Amino acid sequence: MPQFFTNKRLMLLLLCIIILVAMIGFSLKKDRNATWPEKFIGDTTGVFQNIFHTPAQFVADFFENVEDLKNTYKENERLRKKLDGQTQYEAKLQELENENKSLREELGHLKSIKDYTPILATVIARNPDKYEWWNLIKINKGSKHGVEKDMAVTDETGNLIGKIKSTKVNNFTSTVQLLSATDRNNRISTVISAKKGKKTVNGIINGYDSDKKALSMEIIEPDAEREVKKGDLVETSGAGGVFPKGLTIGKVTEVEPDSYGLTKIAYVEPAADLYNLDNVIVVDRTLDTVDVDKMDDEEEGS
């Protein structure tokens, strides 16, 4: 007898397989109730399927969630880059709008002095000393560009900041003496505006008070009908016809009698930011100044 048939274990296994196949085939028949062995096998198979299905489903869900997270991260990165680009675009747009506004204001100022030739210039140097800082600035335009001594200089919006210093005009650069400079010759004829039907008041800027951070203006012929008060606008008068009329100097912050009680002194806060100056305009017209020595001689002669 062959060795295969003498092995009881193999015979038993073969018999079980035959019975299992027969039961499966029998169970495939329709229109009949399952026998208890079929039910037992079905229940046993269901138990094992349930045992293996739960962890398998967990693993599948885990990897699916990981993939979703990766996709979400990529989407967030894409949106972040898009947002960064949008932010840069908005910043550039704001920069252009500010530049456009500045140019419009500058254009408006140029129209207001259309009878004169404006020379656009940039500040290229300034003494960092805390005292000299308020006296002088150096600009990138000189005699080759039409700059001459005593020409008025304004900021971008037309507020007066000073004049070209007489001894500091080179071919391609020149020096501006600021309104805040400590110089007795730094005098400017002014007018204080008045409402319709009211008198205007004339004055002379004759220095800068560093303690009050304001220009000192002597009021000429003060009139009770037109009392100078805080907030009054001070402009260039154009007296003598050599200095543009109507350039804004600043507003009155305080009024007090002079040391002799004969006239009044008004303190004027400059409209221009004299601390921060980048772009300026030189007005091609000689500044109307008053020679101090000449005034002293006239006073002595009288």
C-alpha atoms as a PDB file:
ATOM      1  CA  MET A   1       0.000   0.000   0.000  1.00  0.00           C
ATOM      2  CA  PRO A   2       1.369   3.425  -0.863  1.00  0.00           C
ATOM      3  CA  GLN A   3       2.893   5.424   2.006  1.00  0.00           C
ATOM      4  CA  PHE A   4       0.405   8.267   1.475  1.00  0.00           C
ATOM      5  CA  PHE A   5      -2.538   6.083   2.571  1.00  0.00           C
ATOM      6  CA  THR A   6      -0.685   4.847   5.633  1.00  0.00           C
ATOM      7  CA  ASN A   7      -0.354   8.375   7.012  1.00  0.00           C
ATOM      8  CA  LYS A   8      -3.467   8.886   9.168  1.00  0.00           C
ATOM      9  CA  ARG A   9      -2.994  12.630   9.509  1.00  0.00           C
ATOM     10  CA  LEU A  10      -2.928  13.165   5.782  1.00  0.00           C
ATOM     11  CA  MET A  11      -5.959  10.984   5.328  1.00  0.00           C
ATOM     12  CA  LEU A  12      -7.866  12.965   7.946  1.00  0.00           C
ATOM     13  CA  LEU A  13      -6.925  16.296   6.338  1.00  0.00           C
ATOM     14  CA  LEU A  14      -7.994  15.058   2.918  1.00  0.00           C
ATOM     15  CA  LEU A  15     -11.305  13.867   4.296  1.00  0.00           C
ATOM     16  CA  CYS A  16     -11.979  17.252   5.938  1.00  0.00           C
ATOM     17  CA  ILE A  17     -11.234  19.051   2.677  1.00  0.00           C
ATOM     18  CA  ILE A  18     -13.625  16.785   0.759  1.00  0.00           C
ATOM     19  CA  ILE A  19     -16.373  17.336   3.299  1.00  0.00           C
ATOM     20  CA  LEU A  20     -15.803  21.122   3.262  1.00  0.00           C
ATOM     21  CA  VAL A  21     -15.946  21.277  -0.523  1.00  0.00           C
ATOM     22  CA  ALA A  22     -19.082  19.192  -0.547  1.00  0.00           C
ATOM     23  CA  MET A  23     -20.761  21.426   1.999  1.00  0.00           C
ATOM     24  CA  ILE A  24     -19.817  24.535   0.077  1.00  0.00           C
ATOM     25  CA  GLY A  25     -21.214  23.090  -3.110  1.00  0.00           C
ATOM     26  CA  PHE A  26     -24.333  22.017  -1.317  1.00  0.00           C
ATOM     27  CA  SER A  27     -24.766  25.452   0.244  1.00  0.00           C
ATOM     28  CA  LEU A  28     -24.698  27.089  -3.179  1.00  0.00           C
ATOM     29  CA  LYS A  29     -28.007  25.528  -4.029  1.00  0.00           C
ATOM     30  CA  LYS A  30     -30.889  27.991  -3.962  1.00  0.00           C
ATOM     31  CA  ASP A  31     -34.275  27.798  -2.225  1.00  0.00           C
ATOM     32  CA  ARG A  32     -33.230  25.871   0.839  1.00  0.00           C
ATOM     33  CA  ASN A  33     -32.385  26.589   4.477  1.00  0.00           C
ATOM     34  CA  ALA A  34     -28.771  26.370   5.655  1.00  0.00           C
ATOM     35  CA  THR A  35     -27.813  23.374   7.760  1.00  0.00           C
ATOM     36  CA  TRP A  36     -26.217  23.833  11.174  1.00  0.00           C
ATOM     37  CA  PRO A  37     -22.700  23.008   9.884  1.00  0.00           C
ATOM     38  CA  GLU A  38     -23.140  25.705   7.241  1.00  0.00           C
ATOM     39  CA  LYS A  39     -24.317  28.120   9.866  1.00  0.00           C
ATOM     40  CA  PHE A  40     -21.361  27.259  12.079  1.00  0.00           C
ATOM     41  CA  ILE A  41     -18.875  27.747   9.275  1.00  0.00           C
ATOM     42  CA  GLY A  42     -20.555  31.042   8.230  1.00  0.00           C
ATOM     43  CA  ASP A  43     -20.544  32.364  11.774  1.00  0.00           C
ATOM     44  CA  THR A  44     -16.933  31.333  12.321  1.00  0.00           C
ATOM     45  CA  THR A  45     -15.869  32.964   9.071  1.00  0.00           C
ATOM     46  CA  GLY A  46     -17.788  36.163  10.004  1.00  0.00           C
ATOM     47  CA  VAL A  47     -16.041  36.345  13.365  1.00  0.00           C
ATOM     48  CA  PHE A  48     -12.585  36.121  11.763  1.00  0.00           C
ATOM     49  CA  GLN A  49     -13.603  38.600   9.064  1.00  0.00           C
ATOM     50  CA  ASN A  50     -14.734  41.075  11.718  1.00  0.00           C
ATOM     51  CA  ILE A  51     -11.508  40.591  13.704  1.00  0.00           C
ATOM     52  CA  PHE A  52      -9.285  41.285  10.712  1.00  0.00           C
ATOM     53  CA  HIS A  53     -11.516  43.951   9.113  1.00  0.00           C
ATOM     54  CA  THR A  54     -11.382  46.462  12.004  1.00  0.00           C
ATOM     55  CA  PRO A  55      -7.578  46.910  12.150  1.00  0.00           C
ATOM     56  CA  ALA A  56      -7.353  46.741   8.371  1.00  0.00           C
ATOM     57  CA  GLN A  57      -9.954  49.494   8.067  1.00  0.00           C
ATOM     58  CA  PHE A  58      -8.099  51.531  10.719  1.00  0.00           C
ATOM     59  CA  VAL A  59      -4.842  51.270   8.791  1.00  0.00           C
ATOM     60  CA  ALA A  60      -6.588  52.205   5.548  1.00  0.00           C
ATOM     61  CA  ASP A  61      -8.281  55.205   7.182  1.00  0.00           C
ATOM     62  CA  PHE A  62      -4.957  56.271   8.734  1.00  0.00           C
ATOM     63  CA  PHE A  63      -3.152  56.375   5.405  1.00  0.00           C
ATOM     64  CA  GLU A  64      -6.138  58.107   3.830  1.00  0.00           C
ATOM     65  CA  ASN A  65      -6.020  60.779   6.553  1.00  0.00           C
ATOM     66  CA  VAL A  66      -2.279  61.196   6.030  1.00  0.00           C
ATOM     67  CA  GLU A  67      -2.878  61.748   2.335  1.00  0.00           C
ATOM     68  CA  ASP A  68      -5.611  64.292   3.129  1.00  0.00           C
ATOM     69  CA  LEU A  69      -3.232  66.142   5.461  1.00  0.00           C
ATOM     70  CA  LYS A  70      -0.559  66.240   2.758  1.00  0.00           C
ATOM     71  CA  ASN A  71      -3.068  67.632   0.279  1.00  0.00           C
ATOM     72  CA  THR A  72      -4.265  70.196   2.839  1.00  0.00           C
ATOM     73  CA  TYR A  73      -0.671  71.273   3.537  1.00  0.00           C
ATOM     74  CA  LYS A  74       0.034  71.697  -0.168  1.00  0.00           C
ATOM     75  CA  GLU A  75      -3.156  73.718  -0.589  1.00  0.00           C
ATOM     76  CA  ASN A  76      -2.247  75.918   2.395  1.00  0.00           C
ATOM     77  CA  GLU A  77       1.223  76.514   0.958  1.00  0.00           C
ATOM     78  CA  ARG A  78      -0.283  77.480  -2.378  1.00  0.00           C
ATOM     79  CA  LEU A  79      -2.726  79.874  -0.715  1.00  0.00           C
ATOM     80  CA  ARG A  80       0.023  81.339   1.494  1.00  0.00           C
ATOM     81  CA  LYS A  81       2.212  82.082  -1.529  1.00  0.00           C
ATOM     82  CA  LYS A  82      -0.778  83.607  -3.287  1.00  0.00           C
ATOM     83  CA  LEU A  83      -1.512  85.731  -0.200  1.00  0.00           C
ATOM     84  CA  ASP A  84       2.133  86.852   0.010  1.00  0.00           C
ATOM     85  CA  GLY A  85       1.968  87.871  -3.628  1.00  0.00           C
ATOM     86  CA  GLN A  86      -1.270  89.761  -2.968  1.00  0.00           C
ATOM     87  CA  THR A  87       0.302  91.539   0.031  1.00  0.00           C
ATOM     88  CA  GLN A  88       3.310  92.586  -2.048  1.00  0.00           C
ATOM     89  CA  TYR A  89       0.974  93.792  -4.784  1.00  0.00           C
ATOM     90  CA  GLU A  90      -1.050  95.861  -2.300  1.00  0.00           C
ATOM     91  CA  ALA A  91       2.145  97.323  -0.794  1.00  0.00           C
ATOM     92  CA  LYS A  92       3.386  98.282  -4.256  1.00  0.00           C
ATOM     93  CA  LEU A  93      -0.021  99.764  -5.087  1.00  0.00           C
ATOM     94  CA  GLN A  94       0.043 101.818  -1.878  1.00  0.00           C
ATOM     95  CA  GLU A  95       3.561 103.005  -2.702  1.00  0.00           C
ATOM     96  CA  LEU A  96       2.432 104.094  -6.166  1.00  0.00           C
ATOM     97  CA  GLU A  97      -0.632 105.841  -4.734  1.00  0.00           C
ATOM     98  CA  ASN A  98       1.546 107.743  -2.256  1.00  0.00           C
ATOM     99  CA  GLU A  99       3.964 108.672  -5.025  1.00  0.00           C
ATOM    100  CA  ASN A 100       1.060 109.786  -7.226  1.00  0.00           C
ATOM    101  CA  LYS A 101      -0.355 111.896  -4.403  1.00  0.00           C
ATOM    102  CA  SER A 102       3.049 113.481  -3.814  1.00  0.00           C
ATOM    103  CA  LEU A 103       3.440 114.252  -7.522  1.00  0.00           C
ATOM    104  CA  ARG A 104      -0.069 115.745  -7.694  1.00  0.00           C
ATOM    105  CA  GLU A 105       0.671 117.974  -4.713  1.00  0.00           C
ATOM    106  CA  GLU A 106       3.964 118.959  -6.274  1.00  0.00           C
ATOM    107  CA  LEU A 107       2.202 119.676  -9.569  1.00  0.00           C
ATOM    108  CA  GLY A 108      -0.333 121.831  -7.768  1.00  0.00           C
ATOM    109  CA  HIS A 109       2.488 123.757  -6.175  1.00  0.00           C
ATOM    110  CA  LEU A 110       4.225 124.184  -9.519  1.00  0.00           C
ATOM    111  CA  LYS A 111       1.012 125.611 -10.974  1.00  0.00           C
ATOM    112  CA  SER A 112       0.813 128.075  -8.081  1.00  0.00           C
ATOM    113  CA  ILE A 113       4.252 129.428  -8.994  1.00  0.00           C
ATOM    114  CA  LYS A 114       3.827 129.158 -12.753  1.00  0.00           C
ATOM    115  CA  ASP A 115       5.206 132.685 -13.209  1.00  0.00           C
ATOM    116  CA  TYR A 116       8.527 131.428 -11.862  1.00  0.00           C
ATOM    117  CA  THR A 117      10.850 128.642 -12.955  1.00  0.00           C
ATOM    118  CA  PRO A 118      10.909 125.717 -10.472  1.00  0.00           C
ATOM    119  CA  ILE A 119      14.107 123.703 -10.119  1.00  0.00           C
ATOM    120  CA  LEU A 120      13.507 120.260  -8.607  1.00  0.00           C
ATOM    121  CA  ALA A 121      16.310 119.053  -6.335  1.00  0.00           C
ATOM    122  CA  THR A 122      17.172 116.315  -3.851  1.00  0.00           C
ATOM    123  CA  VAL A 123      18.864 116.674  -0.472  1.00  0.00           C
ATOM    124  CA  ILE A 124      22.232 114.897  -0.675  1.00  0.00           C
ATOM    125  CA  ALA A 125      23.952 115.934   2.560  1.00  0.00           C
ATOM    126  CA  ARG A 126      23.234 117.308   6.011  1.00  0.00           C
ATOM    127  CA  ASN A 127      25.450 117.882   9.033  1.00  0.00           C
ATOM    128  CA  PRO A 128      24.507 115.312  11.712  1.00  0.00           C
ATOM    129  CA  ASP A 129      25.465 117.679  14.545  1.00  0.00           C
ATOM    130  CA  LYS A 130      22.325 118.438  16.571  1.00  0.00           C
ATOM    131  CA  TYR A 131      22.844 122.192  16.142  1.00  0.00           C
ATOM    132  CA  GLU A 132      24.051 122.286  12.547  1.00  0.00           C
ATOM    133  CA  TRP A 133      21.243 119.899  11.505  1.00  0.00           C
ATOM    134  CA  TRP A 134      18.780 122.795  11.721  1.00  0.00           C
ATOM    135  CA  ASN A 135      20.964 125.275   9.814  1.00  0.00           C
ATOM    136  CA  LEU A 136      21.959 123.943   6.395  1.00  0.00           C
ATOM    137  CA  ILE A 137      21.228 121.237   3.807  1.00  0.00           C
ATOM    138  CA  LYS A 138      23.076 120.444   0.591  1.00  0.00           C
ATOM    139  CA  ILE A 139      21.168 119.788  -2.656  1.00  0.00           C
ATOM    140  CA  ASN A 140      22.161 118.240  -5.993  1.00  0.00           C
ATOM    141  CA  LYS A 141      21.519 121.324  -8.138  1.00  0.00           C
ATOM    142  CA  GLY A 142      23.886 124.249  -8.730  1.00  0.00           C
ATOM    143  CA  SER A 143      24.659 127.141 -11.051  1.00  0.00           C
ATOM    144  CA  LYS A 144      24.690 124.832 -14.086  1.00  0.00           C
ATOM    145  CA  HIS A 145      20.994 124.162 -13.395  1.00  0.00           C
ATOM    146  CA  GLY A 146      20.107 127.828 -12.919  1.00  0.00           C
ATOM    147  CA  VAL A 147      20.456 128.013  -9.136  1.00  0.00           C
ATOM    148  CA  GLU A 148      21.558 131.418  -7.823  1.00  0.00           C
ATOM    149  CA  LYS A 149      22.126 132.913  -4.395  1.00  0.00           C
ATOM    150  CA  ASP A 150      19.125 133.963  -2.280  1.00  0.00           C
ATOM    151  CA  MET A 151      16.599 131.953  -4.319  1.00  0.00           C
ATOM    152  CA  ALA A 152      13.654 130.698  -2.259  1.00  0.00           C
ATOM    153  CA  VAL A 153      13.438 126.975  -1.522  1.00  0.00           C
ATOM    154  CA  THR A 154      10.265 125.072  -0.620  1.00  0.00           C
ATOM    155  CA  ASP A 155       9.374 121.505   0.248  1.00  0.00           C
ATOM    156  CA  GLU A 156       7.398 119.288  -2.142  1.00  0.00           C
ATOM    157  CA  THR A 157       4.067 120.822  -1.123  1.00  0.00           C
ATOM    158  CA  GLY A 158       5.140 124.454  -1.464  1.00  0.00           C
ATOM    159  CA  ASN A 159       5.902 125.284   2.165  1.00  0.00           C
ATOM    160  CA  LEU A 160       8.888 127.594   2.501  1.00  0.00           C
ATOM    161  CA  ILE A 161      11.981 125.972   4.060  1.00  0.00           C
ATOM    162  CA  GLY A 162      14.691 128.562   3.387  1.00  0.00           C
ATOM    163  CA  LYS A 163      16.891 130.140   0.727  1.00  0.00           C
ATOM    164  CA  ILE A 164      20.044 129.405  -1.245  1.00  0.00           C
ATOM    165  CA  LYS A 165      23.042 130.519   0.793  1.00  0.00           C
ATOM    166  CA  SER A 166      24.913 133.256  -1.069  1.00  0.00           C
ATOM    167  CA  THR A 167      28.410 131.814  -0.578  1.00  0.00           C
ATOM    168  CA  LYS A 168      27.545 128.181  -1.237  1.00  0.00           C
ATOM    169  CA  VAL A 169      26.576 127.870  -4.929  1.00  0.00           C
ATOM    170  CA  ASN A 170      28.755 125.435  -6.899  1.00  0.00           C
ATOM    171  CA  ASN A 171      28.355 124.239 -10.470  1.00  0.00           C
ATOM    172  CA  PHE A 172      26.378 121.113  -9.583  1.00  0.00           C
ATOM    173  CA  THR A 173      25.528 121.514  -5.893  1.00  0.00           C
ATOM    174  CA  SER A 174      24.419 124.283  -3.584  1.00  0.00           C
ATOM    175  CA  THR A 175      23.640 124.868   0.078  1.00  0.00           C
ATOM    176  CA  VAL A 176      20.250 125.858   1.479  1.00  0.00           C
ATOM    177  CA  GLN A 177      20.018 127.977   4.609  1.00  0.00           C
ATOM    178  CA  LEU A 178      16.946 126.795   6.505  1.00  0.00           C
ATOM    179  CA  LEU A 179      14.372 128.999   8.214  1.00  0.00           C
ATOM    180  CA  SER A 180      15.564 127.527  11.505  1.00  0.00           C
ATOM    181  CA  ALA A 181      19.152 128.733  10.954  1.00  0.00           C
ATOM    182  CA  THR A 182      20.654 131.026  13.581  1.00  0.00           C
ATOM    183  CA  ASP A 183      21.464 133.929  11.257  1.00  0.00           C
ATOM    184  CA  ARG A 184      20.460 137.590  11.730  1.00  0.00           C
ATOM    185  CA  ASN A 185      20.241 138.038   7.963  1.00  0.00           C
ATOM    186  CA  ASN A 186      17.622 135.303   7.697  1.00  0.00           C
ATOM    187  CA  ARG A 187      14.723 137.775   7.340  1.00  0.00           C
ATOM    188  CA  ILE A 188      11.595 137.436   5.234  1.00  0.00           C
ATOM    189  CA  SER A 189       8.728 139.840   4.557  1.00  0.00           C
ATOM    190  CA  THR A 190       5.421 138.243   5.541  1.00  0.00           C
ATOM    191  CA  VAL A 191       1.703 138.813   5.556  1.00  0.00           C
ATOM    192  CA  ILE A 192      -0.971 137.383   7.834  1.00  0.00           C
ATOM    193  CA  SER A 193      -4.088 136.515   5.877  1.00  0.00           C
ATOM    194  CA  ALA A 194      -7.458 137.967   6.782  1.00  0.00           C
ATOM    195  CA  LYS A 195     -11.054 137.130   5.990  1.00  0.00           C
ATOM    196  CA  LYS A 196     -12.888 139.104   3.341  1.00  0.00           C
ATOM    197  CA  GLY A 197     -13.445 142.667   4.454  1.00  0.00           C
ATOM    198  CA  LYS A 198     -10.780 142.502   7.170  1.00  0.00           C
ATOM    199  CA  LYS A 199      -7.323 144.063   7.135  1.00  0.00           C
ATOM    200  CA  THR A 200      -4.200 142.004   6.570  1.00  0.00           C
ATOM    201  CA  VAL A 201      -1.198 142.375   8.860  1.00  0.00           C
ATOM    202  CA  ASN A 202       2.373 142.616   7.623  1.00  0.00           C
ATOM    203  CA  GLY A 203       5.413 141.367   9.450  1.00  0.00           C
ATOM    204  CA  ILE A 204       9.058 140.362   9.188  1.00  0.00           C
ATOM    205  CA  ILE A 205      10.536 137.008  10.144  1.00  0.00           C
ATOM    206  CA  ASN A 206      13.759 137.927  11.940  1.00  0.00           C
ATOM    207  CA  GLY A 207      14.997 134.723  13.521  1.00  0.00           C
ATOM    208  CA  TYR A 208      14.271 131.316  14.975  1.00  0.00           C
ATOM    209  CA  ASP A 209      13.641 130.578  18.637  1.00  0.00           C
ATOM    210  CA  SER A 210      15.108 127.122  19.269  1.00  0.00           C
ATOM    211  CA  ASP A 211      13.447 126.891  22.694  1.00  0.00           C
ATOM    212  CA  LYS A 212       9.968 127.512  21.307  1.00  0.00           C
ATOM    213  CA  LYS A 213      10.824 125.709  18.021  1.00  0.00           C
ATOM    214  CA  ALA A 214       9.160 128.574  16.186  1.00  0.00           C
ATOM    215  CA  LEU A 215      10.054 131.517  13.962  1.00  0.00           C
ATOM    216  CA  SER A 216      10.062 134.953  15.563  1.00  0.00           C
ATOM    217  CA  MET A 217       8.006 137.450  13.564  1.00  0.00           C
ATOM    218  CA  GLU A 218       7.851 141.161  14.301  1.00  0.00           C
ATOM    219  CA  ILE A 219       4.373 142.519  13.598  1.00  0.00           C
ATOM    220  CA  ILE A 220       4.492 145.782  11.644  1.00  0.00           C
ATOM    221  CA  GLU A 221       1.913 148.405  12.692  1.00  0.00           C
ATOM    222  CA  PRO A 222      -0.335 146.214  14.849  1.00  0.00           C
ATOM    223  CA  ASP A 223      -3.970 147.243  14.510  1.00  0.00           C
ATOM    224  CA  ALA A 224      -6.701 146.784  17.067  1.00  0.00           C
ATOM    225  CA  GLU A 225      -9.119 146.030  14.236  1.00  0.00           C
ATOM    226  CA  ARG A 226      -7.037 143.058  13.177  1.00  0.00           C
ATOM    227  CA  GLU A 227      -5.639 141.343  16.221  1.00  0.00           C
ATOM    228  CA  VAL A 228      -3.143 138.606  15.431  1.00  0.00           C
ATOM    229  CA  LYS A 229      -4.084 135.402  17.196  1.00  0.00           C
ATOM    230  CA  LYS A 230      -3.088 131.763  17.493  1.00  0.00           C
ATOM    231  CA  GLY A 231      -3.811 129.763  14.338  1.00  0.00           C
ATOM    232  CA  ASP A 232      -3.417 132.667  11.888  1.00  0.00           C
ATOM    233  CA  LEU A 233      -1.748 131.644   8.622  1.00  0.00           C
ATOM    234  CA  VAL A 234       1.525 133.377   7.754  1.00  0.00           C
ATOM    235  CA  GLU A 235       2.654 133.613   4.117  1.00  0.00           C
ATOM    236  CA  THR A 236       5.289 135.405   2.090  1.00  0.00           C
ATOM    237  CA  SER A 237       4.115 138.881   1.122  1.00  0.00           C
ATOM    238  CA  GLY A 238       6.036 139.222  -2.128  1.00  0.00           C
ATOM    239  CA  ALA A 239       7.076 142.739  -1.067  1.00  0.00           C
ATOM    240  CA  GLY A 240       9.510 144.234  -3.560  1.00  0.00           C
ATOM    241  CA  GLY A 241       8.329 141.942  -6.353  1.00  0.00           C
ATOM    242  CA  VAL A 242      11.343 139.661  -6.085  1.00  0.00           C
ATOM    243  CA  PHE A 243       9.929 136.826  -3.983  1.00  0.00           C
ATOM    244  CA  PRO A 244       6.897 134.662  -4.842  1.00  0.00           C
ATOM    245  CA  LYS A 245       3.836 135.849  -3.016  1.00  0.00           C
ATOM    246  CA  GLY A 246       1.680 133.383  -1.131  1.00  0.00           C
ATOM    247  CA  LEU A 247       4.221 130.721  -0.141  1.00  0.00           C
ATOM    248  CA  THR A 248       3.114 129.212   3.157  1.00  0.00           C
ATOM    249  CA  ILE A 249       5.485 129.776   6.067  1.00  0.00           C
ATOM    250  CA  GLY A 250       3.426 128.459   8.974  1.00  0.00           C
ATOM    251  CA  LYS A 251       0.828 129.288  11.625  1.00  0.00           C
ATOM    252  CA  VAL A 252       0.948 131.570  14.650  1.00  0.00           C
ATOM    253  CA  THR A 253       1.300 129.686  17.928  1.00  0.00           C
ATOM    254  CA  GLU A 254       1.782 132.574  20.351  1.00  0.00           C
ATOM    255  CA  VAL A 255       1.710 136.391  20.463  1.00  0.00           C
ATOM    256  CA  GLU A 256       3.462 138.582  23.044  1.00  0.00           C
ATOM    257  CA  PRO A 257       4.740 142.185  23.392  1.00  0.00           C
ATOM    258  CA  ASP A 258       8.374 142.838  22.571  1.00  0.00           C
ATOM    259  CA  SER A 259      10.866 143.719  25.295  1.00  0.00           C
ATOM    260  CA  TYR A 260      10.143 147.461  24.912  1.00  0.00           C
ATOM    261  CA  GLY A 261       6.380 147.118  24.716  1.00  0.00           C
ATOM    262  CA  LEU A 262       6.293 149.074  21.471  1.00  0.00           C
ATOM    263  CA  THR A 263       5.208 146.284  19.153  1.00  0.00           C
ATOM    264  CA  LYS A 264       4.236 142.628  19.230  1.00  0.00           C
ATOM    265  CA  ILE A 265       6.131 139.463  18.452  1.00  0.00           C
ATOM    266  CA  ALA A 266       4.307 136.475  16.948  1.00  0.00           C
ATOM    267  CA  TYR A 267       5.829 133.011  17.052  1.00  0.00           C
ATOM    268  CA  VAL A 268       5.208 130.982  13.923  1.00  0.00           C
ATOM    269  CA  GLU A 269       5.466 127.208  13.717  1.00  0.00           C
ATOM    270  CA  PRO A 270       6.897 126.278  10.279  1.00  0.00           C
ATOM    271  CA  ALA A 271       4.465 124.397   8.052  1.00  0.00           C
ATOM    272  CA  ALA A 272       7.330 122.398   6.528  1.00  0.00           C
ATOM    273  CA  ASP A 273       8.940 119.522   8.379  1.00  0.00           C
ATOM    274  CA  LEU A 274      12.434 120.989   8.619  1.00  0.00           C
ATOM    275  CA  TYR A 275      13.745 117.871  10.340  1.00  0.00           C
ATOM    276  CA  ASN A 276      12.897 115.489   7.493  1.00  0.00           C
ATOM    277  CA  LEU A 277      13.674 116.864   4.050  1.00  0.00           C
ATOM    278  CA  ASP A 278      14.216 114.696   0.959  1.00  0.00           C
ATOM    279  CA  ASN A 279      12.978 116.489  -2.163  1.00  0.00           C
ATOM    280  CA  VAL A 280      12.839 120.268  -2.476  1.00  0.00           C
ATOM    281  CA  ILE A 281      12.008 122.933  -5.068  1.00  0.00           C
ATOM    282  CA  VAL A 282      14.207 125.926  -5.781  1.00  0.00           C
ATOM    283  CA  VAL A 283      12.114 128.883  -6.976  1.00  0.00           C
ATOM    284  CA  ASP A 284      13.966 130.821  -9.664  1.00  0.00           C
ATOM    285  CA  ARG A 285      13.376 134.211  -8.094  1.00  0.00           C
ATOM    286  CA  THR A 286      15.568 136.198  -5.706  1.00  0.00           C
ATOM    287  CA  LEU A 287      14.485 136.031  -2.064  1.00  0.00           C
ATOM    288  CA  ASP A 288      13.250 139.261  -0.568  1.00  0.00           C
ATOM    289  CA  THR A 289      15.535 139.803   2.437  1.00  0.00           C
ATOM    290  CA  VAL A 290      16.301 142.785   4.557  1.00  0.00           C
ATOM    291  CA  ASP A 291      19.919 143.820   5.014  1.00  0.00           C
ATOM    292  CA  VAL A 292      20.456 144.211   8.762  1.00  0.00           C
ATOM    293  CA  ASP A 293      23.335 146.677   8.505  1.00  0.00           C
ATOM    294  CA  LYS A 294      21.300 148.848   6.123  1.00  0.00           C
ATOM    295  CA  MET A 295      18.371 148.826   8.541  1.00  0.00           C
ATOM    296  CA  ASP A 296      20.636 149.772  11.437  1.00  0.00           C
ATOM    297  CA  ASP A 297      22.081 152.679   9.417  1.00  0.00           C
ATOM    298  CA  GLU A 298      18.596 153.900   8.528  1.00  0.00           C
ATOM    299  CA  GLU A 299      17.499 153.697  12.165  1.00  0.00           C
ATOM    300  CA  GLU A 300      20.581 155.619  13.309  1.00  0.00           C
ATOM    301  CA  GLY A 301      20.032 158.247  10.586  1.00  0.00           C
ATOM    302  CA  SER A 302      16.462 158.760  11.659  1.00  0.00           C
END
